[in-house]
């Protein structure tokens, strides 16, 4: 019983550290994947805003081919007037021009650009970049692309890290058990254990030895 307690005393802190590092790794890579999902929308939105500000027509920056943003992985462009009303779009949702919340336009008016995850309806999610343009007829241009593949990769990442987390925990359990049962308190693996815990372990083992001798 004492051996099991000793193993748990060493394993639990290791398990906490392994879990925290696995969570940190997942969060970091997930954020990198999400930021990468903004490419090439950043370039498309900024180039379109520059063209519109210089007096180019809306038709020159909006592709002629229209896509269904609920099913297509292709990038799309939507141009809004200064009030936030969509006036041209290469992406449609149920054959209609999509709309954005007014709060997005308020933010872009103050900051010039916003990069958001836009979900016009359940199951339809896009990585979008909204940029303001000036000129004689100012407005907003949004470039977007479906997040479907990016989120599939995130799900796969979660499975991989989950298996890695489980495998690392099992490896730690085997290593700690081997150190306790075979190498004892002189194990290099247990050198990081605080002296107070080590003294407790030694006292317990000494008591067990004395008890056996008494018997």
Protein backbone atom coordinates (compact mmCIF):
# COMPACT_ATOMS: atom_id res chain seq x y z
CA UNK A 1 0.00 0.00 0.00
CA UNK A 2 2.83 2.38 0.83
CA UNK A 3 4.39 1.67 -2.56
CA UNK A 4 1.17 2.68 -4.31
CA UNK A 5 1.06 5.93 -2.34
CA UNK A 6 4.68 6.67 -3.25
CA UNK A 7 3.96 6.07 -6.92
CA UNK A 8 0.93 8.39 -6.80
CA UNK A 9 2.90 11.11 -5.02
CA UNK A 10 5.32 11.18 -7.93
CA UNK A 11 2.86 10.48 -10.74
CA UNK A 12 0.19 13.07 -9.91
CA UNK A 13 2.49 16.14 -10.27
CA UNK A 14 3.86 14.64 -13.50
CA UNK A 15 0.32 14.10 -14.80
CA UNK A 16 -0.60 17.70 -14.04
CA UNK A 17 2.48 18.99 -15.87
CA UNK A 18 1.88 16.70 -18.86
CA UNK A 19 -1.78 17.79 -19.05
CA UNK A 20 -0.92 21.50 -18.88
CA UNK A 21 1.77 21.18 -21.55
CA UNK A 22 -0.58 19.21 -23.81
CA UNK A 23 -3.29 21.85 -23.40
CA UNK A 24 -0.79 24.63 -24.10
CA UNK A 25 0.44 22.85 -27.21
CA UNK A 26 -3.12 22.37 -28.49
CA UNK A 27 -4.08 26.01 -27.86
CA UNK A 28 -0.91 27.32 -29.54
CA UNK A 29 -1.21 25.22 -32.69
CA UNK A 30 -4.97 25.85 -32.87
CA UNK A 31 -4.37 29.60 -32.85
CA UNK A 32 -1.68 29.28 -35.53
CA UNK A 33 -4.08 27.30 -37.74
CA UNK A 34 -6.81 29.90 -37.20
CA UNK A 35 -4.51 32.81 -38.04
CA UNK A 36 -3.28 31.01 -41.16
CA UNK A 37 -6.92 30.66 -42.22
CA UNK A 38 -6.94 34.45 -42.80
CA UNK A 39 -4.70 33.96 -45.85
CA UNK A 40 -5.22 35.04 -48.60
CA UNK A 41 -8.16 37.14 -47.38
CA UNK A 42 -5.87 39.79 -45.87
CA UNK A 43 -4.25 40.49 -49.22
CA UNK A 44 -7.53 40.28 -51.14
CA UNK A 45 -9.32 42.72 -48.81
CA UNK A 46 -6.47 45.23 -48.67
CA UNK A 47 -5.86 45.18 -52.42
CA UNK A 48 -9.59 45.61 -53.09
CA UNK A 49 -9.83 48.49 -50.61
CA UNK A 50 -6.86 50.23 -52.25
CA UNK A 51 -8.41 49.82 -55.69
CA UNK A 52 -11.82 51.12 -54.59
CA UNK A 53 -10.26 54.09 -52.78
CA UNK A 54 -8.41 55.03 -55.97
CA UNK A 55 -11.69 55.17 -57.90
CA UNK A 56 -11.85 51.70 -59.43
CA UNK A 57 -15.34 50.28 -59.94
CA UNK A 58 -16.87 47.69 -57.65
CA UNK A 59 -17.09 45.25 -60.55
CA UNK A 60 -13.31 45.39 -60.97
CA UNK A 61 -12.65 43.97 -57.49
CA UNK A 62 -15.54 41.51 -57.15
CA UNK A 63 -15.03 38.26 -59.12
CA UNK A 64 -17.65 37.46 -61.74
CA UNK A 65 -18.04 33.87 -60.56
CA UNK A 66 -20.43 33.58 -57.64
CA UNK A 67 -20.14 30.80 -55.07
CA UNK A 68 -22.29 29.39 -52.29
CA UNK A 69 -20.42 30.24 -49.10
CA UNK A 70 -22.19 27.38 -47.29
CA UNK A 71 -20.52 24.73 -49.46
CA UNK A 72 -17.56 26.21 -51.33
CA UNK A 73 -13.98 26.50 -50.05
CA UNK A 74 -13.14 29.29 -52.51
CA UNK A 75 -12.44 32.84 -51.27
CA UNK A 76 -15.15 35.42 -51.88
CA UNK A 77 -15.44 39.21 -51.79
CA UNK A 78 -18.31 41.37 -50.57
CA UNK A 79 -18.42 45.15 -50.96
CA UNK A 80 -20.58 47.24 -48.61
CA UNK A 81 -21.52 50.89 -48.89
CA UNK A 82 -20.79 53.37 -46.10
CA UNK A 83 -23.96 52.39 -44.24
CA UNK A 84 -23.00 48.70 -44.21
CA UNK A 85 -25.39 47.57 -46.94
CA UNK A 86 -24.01 44.90 -49.30
CA UNK A 87 -23.88 46.22 -52.85
CA UNK A 88 -21.88 43.49 -54.63
CA UNK A 89 -20.69 40.02 -53.72
CA UNK A 90 -19.05 36.96 -55.24
CA UNK A 91 -20.38 34.88 -52.35
CA UNK A 92 -24.07 34.19 -51.78
CA UNK A 93 -25.95 32.46 -48.98
CA UNK A 94 -29.19 30.83 -50.16
CA UNK A 95 -28.88 32.95 -53.32
CA UNK A 96 -28.98 36.17 -51.29
CA UNK A 97 -26.38 38.79 -50.38
CA UNK A 98 -25.07 38.11 -46.87
CA UNK A 99 -25.18 40.78 -44.18
CA UNK A 100 -22.82 41.55 -41.32
CA UNK A 101 -23.69 42.76 -37.78
CA UNK A 102 -23.59 46.55 -37.50
CA UNK A 103 -21.05 46.28 -34.68
CA UNK A 104 -18.45 45.01 -37.15
CA UNK A 105 -18.73 48.19 -39.22
CA UNK A 106 -18.56 50.37 -36.12
CA UNK A 107 -15.31 48.68 -35.11
CA UNK A 108 -13.80 48.96 -38.59
CA UNK A 109 -14.73 52.65 -38.78
CA UNK A 110 -12.58 53.24 -35.70
CA UNK A 111 -9.78 50.77 -36.39
CA UNK A 112 -9.61 50.43 -40.16
CA UNK A 113 -9.75 46.63 -40.23
CA UNK A 114 -11.19 43.64 -38.40
CA UNK A 115 -10.42 39.93 -38.67
CA UNK A 116 -13.28 37.82 -37.41
CA UNK A 117 -14.87 34.39 -37.51
CA UNK A 118 -18.23 35.00 -39.17
CA UNK A 119 -21.10 32.55 -38.73
CA UNK A 120 -24.17 33.73 -40.67
CA UNK A 121 -26.00 30.51 -39.73
CA UNK A 122 -25.23 27.29 -37.84
CA UNK A 123 -22.69 25.16 -39.68
CA UNK A 124 -21.50 27.99 -41.93
CA UNK A 125 -18.29 29.56 -40.61
CA UNK A 126 -15.85 31.78 -42.46
CA UNK A 127 -12.52 33.40 -41.70
CA UNK A 128 -13.13 36.98 -42.81
CA UNK A 129 -11.18 40.21 -43.09
CA UNK A 130 -13.17 43.46 -43.23
CA UNK A 131 -11.35 46.60 -44.39
CA UNK A 132 -12.56 50.17 -44.77
CA UNK A 133 -11.84 52.17 -47.91
CA UNK A 134 -12.08 55.88 -48.50
CA UNK A 135 -12.39 57.97 -51.62
CA UNK A 136 -15.40 59.70 -53.14
CA UNK A 137 -17.72 56.86 -52.16
CA UNK A 138 -16.29 55.24 -49.02
CA UNK A 139 -17.40 51.87 -47.74
CA UNK A 140 -16.18 48.47 -46.65
CA UNK A 141 -14.82 45.41 -48.38
CA UNK A 142 -14.82 41.94 -46.89
CA UNK A 143 -12.84 38.92 -48.07
CA UNK A 144 -13.81 35.55 -46.62
CA UNK A 145 -13.19 31.85 -46.94
CA UNK A 146 -14.76 28.78 -45.36
CA UNK A 147 -13.19 27.50 -42.13
CA UNK A 148 -14.26 23.93 -42.83
CA UNK A 149 -10.82 22.54 -43.67
CA UNK A 150 -9.08 24.56 -40.97
CA UNK A 151 -11.48 23.26 -38.35
CA UNK A 152 -11.09 19.70 -39.64
CA UNK A 153 -7.34 20.04 -39.12
CA UNK A 154 -7.98 21.39 -35.62
CA UNK A 155 -10.12 18.36 -34.83
CA UNK A 156 -7.38 16.05 -36.13
CA UNK A 157 -4.86 17.95 -34.03
CA UNK A 158 -6.99 17.36 -30.94
CA UNK A 159 -7.05 13.61 -31.60
CA UNK A 160 -3.27 13.46 -32.15
CA UNK A 161 -2.50 15.47 -29.02
CA UNK A 162 -5.03 13.40 -27.06
CA UNK A 163 -3.27 10.16 -28.00
CA UNK A 164 0.09 11.79 -27.27
CA UNK A 165 -1.17 12.92 -23.85
CA UNK A 166 -2.45 9.44 -23.02
CA UNK A 167 0.74 7.76 -24.22
CA UNK A 168 2.90 10.15 -22.21
CA UNK A 169 0.85 9.51 -19.07
CA UNK A 170 1.20 5.76 -19.52
CA UNK A 171 4.93 6.14 -20.10
CA UNK A 172 5.24 8.25 -16.96
CA UNK A 173 3.32 5.63 -14.98
CA UNK A 174 5.62 2.85 -16.18
CA UNK A 175 8.74 4.92 -15.45
CA UNK A 176 7.60 5.93 -11.96
CA UNK A 177 6.50 2.39 -11.09
CA UNK A 178 9.81 0.97 -12.33
CA UNK A 179 11.76 3.56 -10.34
CA UNK A 180 9.80 2.84 -7.17
CA UNK A 181 9.69 -0.94 -7.40
CA UNK A 182 13.13 -1.64 -8.86
CA UNK A 183 15.39 1.31 -8.17
CA UNK A 184 13.82 2.58 -4.94
CA UNK A 185 14.52 6.02 -3.52
CA UNK A 186 17.92 6.24 -5.26
CA UNK A 187 16.23 6.45 -8.66
CA UNK A 188 17.37 9.41 -10.80
CA UNK A 189 13.72 9.90 -11.76
CA UNK A 190 12.84 10.67 -8.15
CA UNK A 191 15.64 13.17 -7.48
CA UNK A 192 13.28 16.05 -8.23
CA UNK A 193 10.97 15.01 -5.39
CA UNK A 194 11.14 17.55 -2.49
CA UNK A 195 13.31 16.46 0.47
CA UNK A 196 10.29 16.51 2.80
CA UNK A 197 8.56 13.88 0.65
CA UNK A 198 11.74 11.86 0.40
CA UNK A 199 12.16 11.84 4.18
CA UNK A 200 8.56 10.72 4.54
CA UNK A 201 9.19 7.90 2.10
CA UNK A 202 12.37 6.86 3.90
CA UNK A 203 10.67 6.99 7.30
CA UNK A 204 7.85 4.81 6.01
CA UNK A 205 10.28 2.28 4.59
CA UNK A 206 12.35 2.27 7.80
CA UNK A 207 9.21 1.67 9.85
CA UNK A 208 8.27 -1.20 7.59
CA UNK A 209 11.74 -2.72 7.96
CA UNK A 210 11.70 -2.41 11.75
CA UNK A 211 8.23 -3.89 11.91
CA UNK A 212 9.29 -6.89 9.87
CA UNK A 213 12.34 -7.43 12.06
CA UNK A 214 10.23 -7.24 15.19
CA UNK A 215 7.95 -9.89 13.82
